[in-house]
Protein backbone atom coordinates (compact mmCIF):
# COMPACT_ATOMS: atom_id res chain seq x y z
CA MET A 1 19.84 -22.51 -180.79
CA ILE A 2 22.47 -23.17 -178.12
CA ASP A 3 23.12 -26.66 -176.78
CA TYR A 4 24.73 -26.96 -173.36
CA LEU A 5 26.14 -30.29 -172.26
CA ILE A 6 27.13 -30.95 -168.65
CA MET A 7 29.20 -34.01 -167.71
CA GLU A 8 29.02 -34.35 -163.94
CA ASP A 9 28.16 -37.08 -161.38
CA ASN A 10 27.30 -34.96 -158.35
CA ILE A 11 23.59 -34.03 -158.42
CA ASN A 12 24.05 -30.89 -156.31
CA ASP A 13 26.77 -29.60 -158.59
CA LEU A 14 24.62 -30.41 -161.61
CA LEU A 15 21.78 -28.30 -160.25
CA THR A 16 24.18 -25.45 -159.49
CA TYR A 17 25.57 -25.43 -163.02
CA LYS A 18 22.10 -25.68 -164.56
CA ASN A 19 20.79 -22.81 -162.43
CA ILE A 20 23.72 -20.60 -163.46
CA ILE A 21 23.08 -21.31 -167.15
CA ASP A 22 19.36 -20.56 -166.72
CA LYS A 23 20.16 -17.34 -164.92
CA VAL A 24 22.47 -16.09 -167.69
CA MET A 25 20.08 -17.16 -170.45
CA MET A 26 17.24 -15.16 -168.91
CA ASN A 27 18.93 -12.09 -170.40
CA TYR A 28 18.78 -13.45 -173.95
CA ASP A 29 15.90 -14.14 -176.31
CA ILE A 30 17.54 -17.33 -177.57
CA ASN A 31 16.37 -20.94 -177.48
CA TYR A 32 18.65 -23.32 -175.62
CA ASN A 33 18.80 -26.89 -174.35
CA ILE A 34 20.69 -28.38 -171.42
CA SER A 35 21.75 -32.03 -171.68
CA ILE A 36 23.21 -33.88 -168.72
CA ILE A 37 25.34 -37.03 -168.91
CA ASP A 38 27.55 -38.96 -166.52
CA ARG A 39 29.28 -41.23 -169.03
CA TYR A 40 30.17 -41.66 -172.70
CA THR A 41 27.05 -43.04 -174.41
CA LYS A 42 25.28 -43.20 -177.78
CA ILE A 43 23.22 -40.21 -176.61
CA LEU A 44 26.44 -38.24 -176.41
CA ASN A 45 27.43 -39.23 -179.95
CA LYS A 46 24.08 -37.98 -181.21
CA PHE A 47 24.65 -34.69 -179.37
CA LEU A 48 28.11 -34.29 -180.90
CA GLU A 49 26.69 -34.70 -184.41
CA ASN A 50 24.01 -32.07 -183.83
CA ASP A 51 24.80 -29.03 -185.95
CA SER A 52 24.31 -26.28 -183.36
CA PHE A 53 26.33 -23.87 -181.23
CA LYS A 54 27.59 -26.01 -178.32
CA VAL A 55 28.96 -25.23 -174.86
CA TYR A 56 30.48 -28.08 -172.81
CA LEU A 57 30.90 -28.14 -169.02
CA LEU A 58 33.13 -31.15 -168.37
CA HIS A 59 34.27 -32.45 -165.00
CA LEU A 60 37.70 -34.13 -165.06
CA GLU A 61 36.83 -36.70 -162.40
CA LYS A 62 36.74 -39.43 -165.04
CA HIS A 63 40.01 -38.28 -166.49
CA LYS A 64 40.47 -40.75 -169.36
CA LYS A 65 36.91 -40.48 -170.66
CA THR A 66 36.87 -36.69 -170.36
CA LYS A 67 40.13 -36.35 -172.23
CA GLU A 68 38.87 -38.73 -174.93
CA LEU A 69 35.74 -36.63 -175.31
CA ILE A 70 37.68 -33.35 -175.64
CA LYS A 71 40.02 -34.99 -178.16
CA LYS A 72 37.06 -36.28 -180.17
CA ILE A 73 35.46 -32.81 -180.27
CA ARG A 74 38.61 -30.98 -181.31
CA GLU A 75 40.55 -33.49 -183.39
CA ASP A 76 38.19 -36.21 -184.67
CA LEU A 77 35.27 -33.89 -185.43
CA ASP A 78 37.55 -30.91 -186.12
CA ASP A 79 35.17 -28.79 -184.06
CA TRP A 80 36.95 -25.65 -182.84
CA LYS A 81 33.85 -23.47 -182.70
CA SER A 82 32.21 -25.22 -179.75
CA LEU A 83 33.27 -23.86 -176.36
CA ILE A 84 34.61 -26.03 -173.55
CA ILE A 85 34.81 -25.25 -169.83
CA VAL A 86 36.76 -27.75 -167.72
CA ILE A 87 36.02 -28.29 -164.02
CA TYR A 88 38.75 -30.07 -162.04
CA ASP A 89 39.58 -31.15 -158.50
CA ASN A 90 42.99 -32.73 -159.10
CA ILE A 91 45.89 -30.51 -160.14
CA GLU A 92 47.92 -33.39 -161.62
CA ILE A 93 45.10 -34.40 -163.96
CA LEU A 94 44.64 -30.75 -164.87
CA ARG A 95 48.29 -30.43 -165.93
CA GLU A 96 47.95 -33.42 -168.26
CA ILE A 97 45.00 -31.77 -170.00
CA GLN A 98 46.72 -28.39 -170.16
CA GLU A 99 49.65 -29.97 -172.01
CA GLU A 100 47.29 -30.49 -174.95
CA ASN A 101 46.35 -27.43 -176.97
CA PHE A 102 42.59 -28.04 -176.84
CA PHE A 103 41.47 -24.38 -176.71
CA ILE A 104 39.66 -24.47 -173.35
CA ILE A 105 37.71 -21.35 -172.32
CA HIS A 106 38.49 -21.73 -168.60
CA TYR A 107 39.70 -24.25 -166.00
CA LEU A 108 37.63 -24.05 -162.79
CA ASN A 109 38.83 -25.49 -159.49
CA LYS A 110 35.98 -27.47 -157.97
CA ASN A 111 37.46 -27.13 -154.50
CA THR A 112 36.64 -23.42 -154.54
CA ASN A 113 33.40 -21.51 -155.01
CA ILE A 114 33.19 -21.48 -158.79
CA SER A 115 29.68 -19.99 -159.13
CA ASN A 116 30.78 -16.43 -159.95
CA SER A 117 33.50 -17.60 -162.34
CA LEU A 118 31.14 -19.98 -164.10
CA TYR A 119 28.53 -17.24 -164.45
CA ARG A 120 31.12 -15.02 -166.11
CA ASP A 121 32.30 -17.88 -168.34
CA ILE A 122 28.76 -18.48 -169.61
CA GLN A 123 28.47 -14.77 -170.35
CA ILE A 124 31.70 -14.99 -172.35
CA CYS A 125 30.27 -17.95 -174.25
CA MET A 126 27.26 -15.83 -175.14
CA LYS A 127 29.52 -13.07 -176.45
CA ASN A 128 31.09 -15.65 -178.75
CA TYR A 129 27.62 -16.72 -179.87
CA ASP A 130 26.68 -13.10 -180.67
CA GLN A 131 29.82 -12.66 -182.75
CA ARG A 132 29.20 -15.59 -185.10
CA PRO A 133 29.58 -14.85 -188.81
CA ASN A 134 26.43 -13.31 -190.31
CA SER A 135 26.40 -15.65 -193.26
CA LEU A 136 25.34 -19.15 -194.20
CA LYS A 137 28.31 -21.29 -195.19
CA TYR A 138 27.96 -24.76 -196.69
CA CYS A 139 29.12 -27.02 -199.53
CA TYR A 140 26.87 -28.54 -202.18
CA LYS A 141 27.99 -30.56 -205.22
CA LYS A 142 31.64 -29.63 -204.66
CA THR A 143 30.83 -25.91 -204.57
CA PHE A 144 31.26 -23.75 -201.45
CA TYR A 145 28.62 -21.12 -200.65
CA ASN A 146 28.76 -18.10 -198.33
CA ILE A 147 25.37 -16.34 -198.35
CA GLU A 148 24.86 -13.31 -196.13
CA TYR A 149 21.81 -13.60 -193.85
CA ARG A 150 20.65 -10.11 -194.72
CA ASN A 151 20.28 -11.09 -198.40
CA ILE A 152 18.12 -14.15 -197.73
CA ILE A 153 14.39 -13.49 -198.22
CA TYR A 154 13.06 -16.95 -197.41
CA ILE A 155 14.03 -20.62 -197.41
CA GLU A 156 11.63 -23.24 -198.73
CA LYS A 157 11.74 -27.02 -198.24
CA GLU A 158 11.21 -28.73 -201.58
CA LYS A 159 8.37 -31.24 -201.56
CA ASP A 160 9.42 -34.91 -201.60
CA ASN A 161 13.07 -33.87 -201.79
CA LYS A 162 15.82 -33.52 -199.17
CA ILE A 163 16.79 -30.11 -200.52
CA CYS A 164 15.92 -26.56 -199.47
CA THR A 165 15.70 -23.60 -201.83
CA ILE A 166 17.31 -20.39 -200.56
CA LYS A 167 15.76 -17.31 -202.18
CA THR A 168 17.85 -14.14 -202.05
CA LYS A 169 17.37 -10.69 -203.56
CA GLU A 170 18.99 -11.74 -206.82
CA ASN A 171 19.46 -15.52 -206.92
CA LYS A 172 18.29 -18.96 -205.90
CA TYR A 173 20.55 -21.45 -204.15
CA TYR A 174 20.10 -25.04 -203.04
CA PHE A 175 20.97 -26.45 -199.62
CA PRO A 176 21.40 -30.22 -199.12
CA GLY A 177 19.43 -31.08 -195.99
CA SER A 178 16.26 -30.58 -194.02
CA LEU A 179 14.69 -27.28 -192.99
CA LYS A 180 15.51 -28.17 -189.38
CA LYS A 181 19.20 -28.58 -190.24
CA ILE A 182 19.43 -25.21 -191.96
CA GLU A 183 17.39 -23.54 -189.18
CA GLN A 184 20.09 -24.45 -186.66
CA LYS A 185 22.61 -22.41 -188.65
CA LEU A 186 20.50 -19.22 -188.73
CA ASP A 187 19.95 -16.43 -186.21
CA LYS A 188 16.81 -15.05 -184.56
CA ARG A 189 15.77 -12.86 -187.50
CA PHE A 190 14.50 -16.06 -189.17
CA ILE A 191 11.10 -17.47 -188.21
CA LYS A 192 9.62 -20.77 -189.31
CA CYS A 193 6.14 -19.77 -190.48
CA ASN A 194 5.10 -23.34 -191.32
CA LYS A 195 6.70 -26.74 -191.82
CA SER A 196 7.98 -25.75 -195.27
CA TYR A 197 9.12 -22.12 -194.93
CA LEU A 198 11.71 -20.10 -193.01
CA ILE A 199 11.31 -16.36 -193.53
CA ASN A 200 13.72 -13.51 -192.86
CA MET A 201 11.66 -11.01 -190.86
CA GLU A 202 14.02 -8.21 -191.85
CA GLN A 203 12.91 -8.77 -195.46
CA VAL A 204 9.19 -8.51 -194.62
CA GLU A 205 7.55 -5.33 -195.90
CA GLU A 206 4.11 -5.95 -194.40
CA TYR A 207 1.99 -8.57 -192.71
CA ASN A 208 -1.74 -8.64 -193.36
CA THR A 209 -3.09 -10.38 -190.27
CA LYS A 210 -6.64 -10.47 -191.58
CA GLU A 211 -5.74 -12.37 -194.75
CA ASN A 212 -2.69 -13.97 -193.08
CA ILE A 213 -0.35 -12.93 -195.90
CA ILE A 214 3.29 -11.88 -195.66
CA ILE A 215 4.60 -9.50 -198.31
CA PHE A 216 8.36 -9.21 -198.72
CA LYS A 217 10.28 -6.14 -199.85
CA ASN A 218 10.62 -7.63 -203.33
CA ARG A 219 6.78 -7.98 -203.36
CA GLU A 220 6.77 -11.77 -203.22
CA LYS A 221 4.10 -13.22 -200.95
CA VAL A 222 3.67 -16.13 -198.57
CA ASN A 223 0.18 -17.04 -197.39
CA MET A 224 0.82 -20.32 -195.60
CA ILE A 225 1.38 -19.11 -192.04
CA SER A 226 0.34 -21.70 -189.46
CA ARG A 227 -1.82 -20.76 -186.49
CA THR A 228 0.96 -21.46 -184.00
CA LYS A 229 3.50 -19.33 -185.90
CA LYS A 230 1.11 -16.43 -186.49
CA LYS A 231 1.69 -15.25 -182.90
CA ASP A 232 5.48 -15.42 -183.30
CA ILE A 233 5.30 -13.14 -186.34
CA GLU A 234 2.94 -10.71 -184.62
CA ASN A 235 5.22 -10.62 -181.54
CA TYR A 236 8.23 -9.88 -183.75
CA PHE A 237 6.51 -6.79 -185.12
CA ARG A 238 5.36 -5.70 -181.65
CA LYS A 239 8.96 -5.74 -180.42
CA ILE A 240 10.00 -3.43 -183.22
CA ILE A 241 7.17 -0.93 -182.70
């Protein structure tokens, strides 16, 4: 999942930026959301806390608030993985921001035609998304874990408990949080087959559509595939064939 956030007042510019993002994302089989704000609100705070890959398009018109937001992302939240593109129309304000080492992907001059540059910047953001580490990193009970995606067979939400069980080829691990939270950290090889299971399709040996049973390479089975997710699993296999 990729979350885009655009901070912009001008409706025409908003539509331009949104259309460019949609155009780039047409080339990727990845879910994404576009959120639009024009001021610092509680909605923004909720977005910042969301554990997903984020791309920010921030206009410097409201200089103080924009700078505060960038500082919050980088320094308060210690988030250096999210990508930030700054759009400016005042060179003096730009210089103030540039004095800070905020790791900005690109500064775009709003007084010029930025469409082509923004298109390329979004493509660069996608390259960064594709190069994310292929492992699940988290901390639980003062222990740090780094589990390679390829070794995960399935992830199960424990009933009446805010913990998920991660089943690998050789071990079991426990993740503190909801299935939705862990899903945001994974890549497209993982499919949610029902409200309690995430399965690694690369670990699936066969899928019996008649009996609706998935058999993994280690011969474990899952037979609780929901009607809505059955099509997703079938489509995954069709893409491979």
